């Protein structure tokens, strides 16, 4: 609220309260990071089961699949951050 009232002259100095707030919001029960971590662990477990006895020539396929799992695991969380940022900008106006 202070940044809205002061405008362009507002300067934010980070402290320990910011980290505590982030941990409380993002690492709590309804936060995004535990969901992303659980989803990623499940996908990588399925990935390991799928390629357990693969042939020696399939290294490239394994690397591509690993990259796709990483991208699609973190993507919902990153999209959520963009929507949150847009919401905060609109609220500021």
Protein backbone atom coordinates (compact mmCIF):
# COMPACT_ATOMS: atom_id res chain seq x y z
CA UNK A 1 0.00 0.00 0.00
CA UNK A 2 2.85 2.34 0.69
CA UNK A 3 4.20 1.95 -2.85
CA UNK A 4 0.78 2.91 -4.21
CA UNK A 5 0.52 6.03 -2.06
CA UNK A 6 4.09 7.24 -2.66
CA UNK A 7 4.19 6.43 -6.38
CA UNK A 8 7.43 6.47 -8.37
CA UNK A 9 9.45 7.70 -5.40
CA UNK A 10 8.97 4.49 -3.44
CA UNK A 11 12.12 2.47 -2.73
CA UNK A 12 11.75 -0.98 -1.17
CA UNK A 13 14.47 -2.31 1.09
CA UNK A 14 14.41 -6.07 1.57
CA UNK A 15 14.64 -7.60 5.01
CA UNK A 16 13.94 -10.89 6.76
CA UNK A 17 10.21 -10.21 6.85
CA UNK A 18 10.06 -10.53 3.05
CA UNK A 19 11.59 -14.01 3.18
CA UNK A 20 9.24 -15.02 5.99
CA UNK A 21 6.25 -13.76 3.99
CA UNK A 22 7.41 -15.65 0.88
CA UNK A 23 7.89 -18.84 2.88
CA UNK A 24 4.50 -18.48 4.55
CA UNK A 25 2.68 -17.83 1.26
CA UNK A 26 4.52 -20.03 -1.24
CA UNK A 27 5.64 -22.89 0.97
CA UNK A 28 2.41 -23.15 2.97
CA UNK A 29 -0.46 -25.53 2.35
CA UNK A 30 -2.04 -23.50 -0.43
CA UNK A 31 1.25 -22.32 -1.96
CA UNK A 32 2.47 -23.21 -5.41
CA UNK A 33 5.92 -24.59 -4.68
CA UNK A 34 4.89 -27.79 -2.80
CA UNK A 35 2.44 -28.64 -5.59
CA UNK A 36 5.09 -28.09 -8.25
CA UNK A 37 7.63 -30.17 -6.31
CA UNK A 38 5.18 -33.05 -5.81
CA UNK A 39 4.13 -32.99 -9.47
CA UNK A 40 7.78 -32.97 -10.59
CA UNK A 41 8.71 -35.88 -8.32
CA UNK A 42 5.79 -37.95 -9.61
CA UNK A 43 6.68 -37.22 -13.23
CA UNK A 44 10.36 -38.05 -12.74
CA UNK A 45 9.42 -41.32 -11.03
CA UNK A 46 7.28 -42.24 -14.04
CA UNK A 47 10.14 -41.13 -16.29
CA UNK A 48 12.60 -43.42 -14.51
CA UNK A 49 10.19 -46.37 -14.72
CA UNK A 50 9.63 -45.75 -18.43
CA UNK A 51 13.31 -45.64 -19.38
CA UNK A 52 14.63 -48.15 -16.85
CA UNK A 53 15.95 -50.78 -19.29
CA UNK A 54 16.33 -48.59 -22.35
CA UNK A 55 18.87 -49.15 -25.07
CA UNK A 56 22.26 -47.43 -25.12
CA UNK A 57 21.30 -45.43 -28.21
CA UNK A 58 18.40 -43.63 -26.52
CA UNK A 59 20.43 -41.02 -24.58
CA UNK A 60 19.13 -38.15 -26.72
CA UNK A 61 15.54 -39.25 -26.16
CA UNK A 62 16.13 -39.38 -22.42
CA UNK A 63 17.60 -35.86 -22.39
CA UNK A 64 14.73 -34.46 -24.44
CA UNK A 65 12.14 -36.16 -22.23
CA UNK A 66 13.87 -34.86 -19.12
CA UNK A 67 13.81 -31.31 -20.46
CA UNK A 68 10.13 -31.59 -21.35
CA UNK A 69 9.28 -32.85 -17.88
CA UNK A 70 11.19 -29.97 -16.30
CA UNK A 71 9.47 -27.40 -18.53
CA UNK A 72 5.94 -28.69 -18.03
CA UNK A 73 6.48 -29.10 -14.30
CA UNK A 74 7.56 -25.52 -13.63
CA UNK A 75 5.41 -23.85 -16.31
CA UNK A 76 2.10 -23.70 -14.32
CA UNK A 77 3.89 -22.01 -11.43
CA UNK A 78 5.56 -19.45 -13.71
CA UNK A 79 2.25 -18.66 -15.42
CA UNK A 80 0.68 -18.14 -12.00
CA UNK A 81 3.42 -15.62 -11.14
CA UNK A 82 2.69 -13.59 -14.28
CA UNK A 83 -1.03 -13.44 -13.48
CA UNK A 84 -0.22 -12.40 -9.93
CA UNK A 85 2.08 -9.61 -11.18
CA UNK A 86 -0.59 -8.34 -13.62
CA UNK A 87 -3.17 -8.41 -10.82
CA UNK A 88 -0.88 -6.36 -8.57
CA UNK A 89 -0.21 -3.80 -11.32
CA UNK A 90 -3.94 -3.41 -12.01
CA UNK A 91 -4.63 -3.09 -8.31
CA UNK A 92 -1.96 -0.38 -8.05
CA UNK A 93 -3.65 1.71 -10.76
